[in-house]
N, C-alpha and C. Protein backbone atom coordinates (compact mmCIF):
# COMPACT_ATOMS: atom_id res chain seq x y z
N UNK A 1 194.90 -172.34 62.69
CA UNK A 1 194.75 -170.69 62.55
C UNK A 1 194.85 -170.77 61.05
N UNK A 2 194.38 -170.40 59.28
CA UNK A 2 194.37 -170.48 58.63
C UNK A 2 194.08 -168.68 58.00
N UNK A 3 194.86 -168.31 56.83
CA UNK A 3 194.27 -167.15 56.39
C UNK A 3 194.64 -167.44 54.71
N UNK A 4 194.08 -166.03 53.50
CA UNK A 4 193.71 -166.02 52.20
C UNK A 4 194.49 -165.26 52.02
N UNK A 5 195.41 -165.68 51.81
CA UNK A 5 196.31 -164.43 50.67
C UNK A 5 196.16 -164.44 49.55
N UNK A 6 196.76 -163.76 48.63
CA UNK A 6 197.11 -163.16 47.78
C UNK A 6 198.62 -163.48 47.02
N UNK A 7 198.85 -163.77 46.44
CA UNK A 7 199.92 -163.91 45.39
C UNK A 7 199.78 -163.45 43.76
N UNK A 8 200.93 -163.30 42.58
CA UNK A 8 200.43 -163.52 41.58
C UNK A 8 198.76 -163.14 40.59
N UNK A 9 198.02 -162.42 41.22
CA UNK A 9 196.15 -162.68 40.65
C UNK A 9 195.77 -164.25 40.77
N UNK A 10 196.08 -164.41 42.08
CA UNK A 10 195.41 -166.06 41.95
C UNK A 10 195.13 -165.44 44.06
N UNK A 11 194.00 -166.09 44.56
CA UNK A 11 194.31 -166.86 46.38
C UNK A 11 193.89 -167.62 46.44
N UNK A 12 194.78 -167.97 47.99
CA UNK A 12 195.61 -169.08 48.19
C UNK A 12 195.13 -169.11 49.56
N UNK A 13 193.97 -170.52 51.06
CA UNK A 13 193.96 -170.51 51.64
C UNK A 13 195.09 -171.92 52.61
N UNK A 14 195.67 -170.88 53.45
CA UNK A 14 197.20 -171.26 53.87
C UNK A 14 196.67 -171.69 55.00
N UNK A 15 198.17 -173.02 55.50
CA UNK A 15 197.65 -172.54 57.26
C UNK A 15 199.09 -172.98 57.43
N UNK A 16 200.01 -172.66 58.42
CA UNK A 16 201.49 -172.96 59.14
C UNK A 16 201.39 -174.60 58.72
N UNK A 17 202.67 -174.69 57.30
CA UNK A 17 203.58 -176.02 57.49
C UNK A 17 202.89 -176.28 56.01
N UNK A 18 201.71 -175.16 55.11
CA UNK A 18 201.22 -176.26 54.42
C UNK A 18 202.45 -175.58 52.84
N UNK A 19 202.50 -176.53 51.70
CA UNK A 19 203.22 -176.54 50.51
C UNK A 19 202.43 -176.55 49.44
N UNK A 20 202.35 -175.28 49.37
CA UNK A 20 201.42 -174.57 48.22
C UNK A 20 202.66 -173.79 46.74
N UNK A 21 202.39 -174.20 45.79
CA UNK A 21 202.76 -174.09 44.09
C UNK A 21 202.41 -172.07 43.09
N UNK A 22 202.43 -171.01 43.39
CA UNK A 22 202.68 -170.18 42.96
C UNK A 22 203.06 -169.83 42.21
N UNK A 23 202.75 -168.41 41.17
CA UNK A 23 203.06 -167.89 40.38
C UNK A 23 205.28 -167.41 40.36
N UNK A 24 205.72 -167.63 39.41
CA UNK A 24 207.36 -168.05 40.31
C UNK A 24 207.39 -166.48 39.95
N UNK A 25 207.91 -166.48 41.95
CA UNK A 25 208.59 -165.11 42.63
C UNK A 25 209.96 -165.28 42.18
N UNK A 26 210.59 -163.84 41.99
CA UNK A 26 212.05 -164.48 41.19
C UNK A 26 213.35 -164.08 42.83
N UNK A 27 213.07 -165.21 43.58
CA UNK A 27 213.85 -165.11 44.30
C UNK A 27 215.28 -166.20 44.56
N UNK A 28 215.86 -166.29 45.40
CA UNK A 28 216.52 -167.73 45.09
C UNK A 28 216.06 -168.85 46.25
N UNK A 29 216.06 -170.14 45.71
CA UNK A 29 216.42 -170.94 47.26
C UNK A 29 216.53 -170.82 48.45
N UNK A 30 215.83 -171.45 49.50
CA UNK A 30 215.78 -170.43 50.72
C UNK A 30 215.99 -169.38 51.39
N UNK A 31 215.15 -168.83 49.88
CA UNK A 31 214.89 -167.15 50.43
C UNK A 31 213.34 -167.01 51.48
N UNK A 32 213.68 -165.91 52.36
CA UNK A 32 212.00 -165.98 53.31
C UNK A 32 210.95 -164.98 51.65
N UNK A 33 210.10 -164.67 52.08
CA UNK A 33 208.86 -164.40 51.02
C UNK A 33 207.11 -164.24 51.57
N UNK A 34 207.04 -162.89 52.38
CA UNK A 34 206.06 -162.73 52.80
C UNK A 34 204.71 -162.17 51.87
N UNK A 35 203.02 -162.59 51.84
CA UNK A 35 202.44 -161.47 51.15
C UNK A 35 201.20 -161.29 52.52
N UNK A 36 200.61 -160.92 51.17
CA UNK A 36 199.02 -159.98 51.65
C UNK A 36 198.44 -160.88 51.93
N UNK A 37 197.75 -160.84 53.30
CA UNK A 37 197.07 -161.22 53.85
C UNK A 37 195.80 -160.88 53.70
N UNK A 38 194.43 -161.35 53.57
CA UNK A 38 193.13 -160.86 53.20
C UNK A 38 192.10 -161.69 53.86
N UNK A 39 192.46 -162.59 54.82
CA UNK A 39 190.94 -162.71 55.46
C UNK A 39 192.23 -163.79 56.71
N UNK A 40 191.86 -163.50 57.77
CA UNK A 40 192.46 -164.89 58.46
C UNK A 40 191.39 -165.26 60.21
N UNK A 41 191.10 -166.83 60.02
CA UNK A 41 189.97 -167.07 60.92
C UNK A 41 190.88 -168.25 61.43
N UNK A 42 190.43 -168.74 62.63
CA UNK A 42 190.72 -169.12 63.92
C UNK A 42 189.81 -169.59 65.07
N UNK A 43 189.98 -170.35 66.27
CA UNK A 43 189.25 -170.21 66.89
C UNK A 43 188.10 -168.97 67.20
N UNK A 44 188.72 -168.35 67.00
CA UNK A 44 187.92 -166.81 67.51
C UNK A 44 187.86 -166.31 66.98
N UNK A 45 187.57 -166.29 65.60
CA UNK A 45 186.41 -166.15 64.32
C UNK A 45 187.27 -165.85 63.82
N UNK A 46 187.02 -165.09 62.06
CA UNK A 46 187.05 -163.91 60.48
C UNK A 46 188.03 -163.44 60.60
N UNK A 47 188.90 -162.94 60.80
CA UNK A 47 188.61 -161.34 60.17
C UNK A 47 189.33 -160.94 59.19
N UNK A 48 187.97 -159.89 58.40
CA UNK A 48 188.06 -159.50 56.83
C UNK A 48 189.17 -158.11 56.82
N UNK A 49 190.23 -158.80 55.98
CA UNK A 49 190.47 -156.63 55.44
C UNK A 49 189.98 -155.72 54.94
N UNK A 50 190.25 -155.05 54.72
CA UNK A 50 190.28 -153.64 54.04
C UNK A 50 190.75 -153.53 52.58
N UNK A 51 191.28 -153.52 51.74
CA UNK A 51 191.89 -154.53 51.64
C UNK A 51 193.19 -156.42 52.02
N UNK A 52 193.49 -155.44 52.64
CA UNK A 52 194.04 -155.97 53.80
C UNK A 52 193.56 -156.34 54.90
N UNK A 53 194.40 -157.75 55.84
CA UNK A 53 194.12 -157.06 57.41
C UNK A 53 195.14 -157.16 58.03
N UNK A 54 195.27 -156.05 59.52
CA UNK A 54 196.13 -155.15 60.06
C UNK A 54 196.40 -155.80 60.51
N UNK A 55 198.16 -156.09 61.41
CA UNK A 55 198.91 -156.70 61.88
C UNK A 55 199.35 -157.98 61.87
N UNK A 56 198.15 -158.60 60.23
CA UNK A 56 198.44 -159.62 59.81
C UNK A 56 199.88 -160.56 59.03
N UNK A 57 199.91 -161.05 59.28
CA UNK A 57 201.47 -161.55 58.39
C UNK A 57 202.00 -163.52 57.70
N UNK A 58 201.57 -163.53 56.15
CA UNK A 58 201.79 -164.75 56.41
C UNK A 58 203.77 -165.10 55.88
N UNK A 59 204.13 -165.63 56.46
CA UNK A 59 205.59 -165.93 55.56
C UNK A 59 205.92 -167.14 55.50
N UNK A 60 206.30 -167.07 54.39
CA UNK A 60 206.97 -168.53 53.66
C UNK A 60 208.39 -168.43 53.11
N UNK A 61 208.60 -169.73 53.26
CA UNK A 61 210.30 -169.98 52.45
C UNK A 61 210.41 -170.32 51.29
N UNK A 62 210.89 -170.09 50.64
CA UNK A 62 210.82 -170.72 49.09
C UNK A 62 211.46 -172.20 48.74
N UNK A 63 211.43 -173.01 48.70
CA UNK A 63 211.80 -174.64 48.91
C UNK A 63 212.78 -174.80 47.49
N UNK A 64 211.65 -174.98 46.00
CA UNK A 64 212.45 -174.76 44.56
C UNK A 64 211.57 -174.05 44.21
N UNK A 65 212.14 -173.41 42.32
CA UNK A 65 211.82 -173.49 41.51
C UNK A 65 211.69 -174.37 40.63
N UNK A 66 209.62 -174.52 40.51
CA UNK A 66 209.64 -175.94 39.33
C UNK A 66 209.35 -175.64 38.11
N UNK A 67 208.75 -177.03 37.31
CA UNK A 67 207.61 -176.14 36.07
C UNK A 67 206.78 -177.44 36.07
N UNK A 68 205.11 -176.55 35.89
CA UNK A 68 204.62 -177.36 35.91
C UNK A 68 204.37 -178.02 34.10
N UNK A 69 202.72 -179.03 34.49
CA UNK A 69 202.60 -180.28 33.14
C UNK A 69 203.15 -179.19 31.62
N UNK A 70 202.88 -180.42 30.56
CA UNK A 70 203.51 -179.59 29.94
C UNK A 70 201.51 -179.72 28.57
N UNK A 71 201.61 -178.49 28.67
CA UNK A 71 199.94 -177.97 28.23
C UNK A 71 200.25 -178.39 26.82
N UNK A 72 200.09 -178.59 25.36
CA UNK A 72 200.37 -178.89 24.22
C UNK A 72 199.22 -177.92 23.86
N UNK A 73 199.84 -177.36 22.00
CA UNK A 73 198.45 -176.15 21.82
C UNK A 73 198.69 -176.64 19.97
N UNK A 74 197.41 -177.40 19.38
CA UNK A 74 197.64 -177.09 18.00
C UNK A 74 196.82 -176.29 17.28
N UNK A 75 197.25 -176.24 15.68
CA UNK A 75 196.07 -175.60 15.03
C UNK A 75 196.33 -176.22 13.74
N UNK A 76 195.18 -175.82 13.50
CA UNK A 76 194.95 -177.23 11.85
C UNK A 76 194.06 -176.33 11.39
N UNK A 77 194.19 -176.28 9.81
CA UNK A 77 193.38 -175.68 9.03
C UNK A 77 192.63 -176.63 7.59
N UNK A 78 191.77 -176.83 7.92
CA UNK A 78 191.57 -177.70 6.77
C UNK A 78 191.38 -177.18 5.20
N UNK A 79 191.65 -178.17 4.68
CA UNK A 79 191.73 -178.34 3.01
C UNK A 79 193.23 -176.59 2.99
N UNK A 80 194.09 -176.61 3.19
CA UNK A 80 195.13 -176.03 3.77
C UNK A 80 196.57 -176.02 3.63
N UNK A 81 196.61 -177.37 4.02
CA UNK A 81 198.18 -178.01 4.27
C UNK A 81 198.25 -177.61 5.23
N UNK A 82 198.20 -177.33 6.61
CA UNK A 82 198.62 -176.11 7.72
C UNK A 82 197.85 -177.03 8.76
N UNK A 83 199.71 -177.28 9.25
CA UNK A 83 199.29 -178.04 11.10
C UNK A 83 200.57 -177.90 12.03
N UNK A 84 199.75 -177.21 12.53
CA UNK A 84 201.09 -177.14 13.57
C UNK A 84 200.77 -177.51 15.54
N UNK A 85 201.66 -177.47 15.62
CA UNK A 85 201.72 -178.62 17.14
C UNK A 85 203.05 -177.49 18.50
N UNK A 86 202.99 -176.84 19.08
CA UNK A 86 203.55 -176.12 20.05
C UNK A 86 202.40 -177.11 21.57
N UNK A 87 204.27 -176.83 23.10
CA UNK A 87 203.99 -176.87 23.75
C UNK A 87 204.33 -175.94 24.73
N UNK A 88 203.88 -175.50 26.14
CA UNK A 88 203.86 -174.70 27.09
C UNK A 88 203.79 -175.13 27.91
N UNK A 89 205.33 -175.06 28.78
CA UNK A 89 205.29 -175.88 30.84
C UNK A 89 205.06 -174.16 31.39
N UNK A 90 204.68 -173.64 31.79
CA UNK A 90 204.15 -172.69 32.77
C UNK A 90 205.52 -172.75 34.11
N UNK A 91 205.84 -172.04 34.92
CA UNK A 91 207.52 -171.29 36.05
C UNK A 91 206.35 -171.68 37.10
N UNK A 92 206.55 -172.30 38.36
CA UNK A 92 205.46 -172.26 39.44
C UNK A 92 206.76 -171.94 40.80
N UNK A 93 206.73 -171.76 41.54
CA UNK A 93 207.62 -171.53 43.50
C UNK A 93 207.14 -172.48 43.76
N UNK A 94 207.80 -173.36 43.93
CA UNK A 94 207.13 -174.14 45.29
C UNK A 94 207.54 -173.65 46.42
N UNK A 95 206.60 -173.24 47.57
CA UNK A 95 206.10 -172.59 48.88
C UNK A 95 205.82 -172.95 50.29
N UNK A 96 207.09 -172.78 51.10
CA UNK A 96 206.54 -173.60 52.46
C UNK A 96 206.01 -172.60 53.22
N UNK A 97 204.80 -172.85 53.78
CA UNK A 97 204.38 -171.25 54.24
C UNK A 97 204.96 -172.18 55.94
N UNK A 98 205.99 -171.24 56.77
CA UNK A 98 206.57 -171.42 57.58
C UNK A 98 205.66 -170.40 59.40
N UNK A 99 204.75 -169.14 58.83
CA UNK A 99 204.05 -168.88 60.31
C UNK A 99 202.66 -168.11 59.60
N UNK A 100 201.66 -167.68 60.44
CA UNK A 100 200.53 -167.62 59.57
C UNK A 100 200.60 -166.93 61.57
N UNK A 101 200.52 -164.90 61.41
CA UNK A 101 200.95 -163.97 62.33
C UNK A 101 199.19 -163.65 62.22
N UNK A 102 198.56 -163.42 63.51
CA UNK A 102 197.44 -161.83 63.43
C UNK A 102 197.30 -162.08 65.10
């Protein structure tokens, strides 16, 4: 059985036992979190919610708070002696999906 969940403005296709990286969730490690289920699929077919599937629930356990790969941003203007380089690392939450109930 699999589900499509929504969190952090994005959608993810998950099943039990998957580990996903989502936008930062402000909770402690080893705490549980539940997600909105947009679609549920399995052997008996597909259920599509309007916007969420009634009675469906996906729960996960927060494993860690991590940072993504560093992205470098450069600005340059010719003939003006302007050159600037900065970087950014996005914060993510590593979540292990513990149950998909539908």
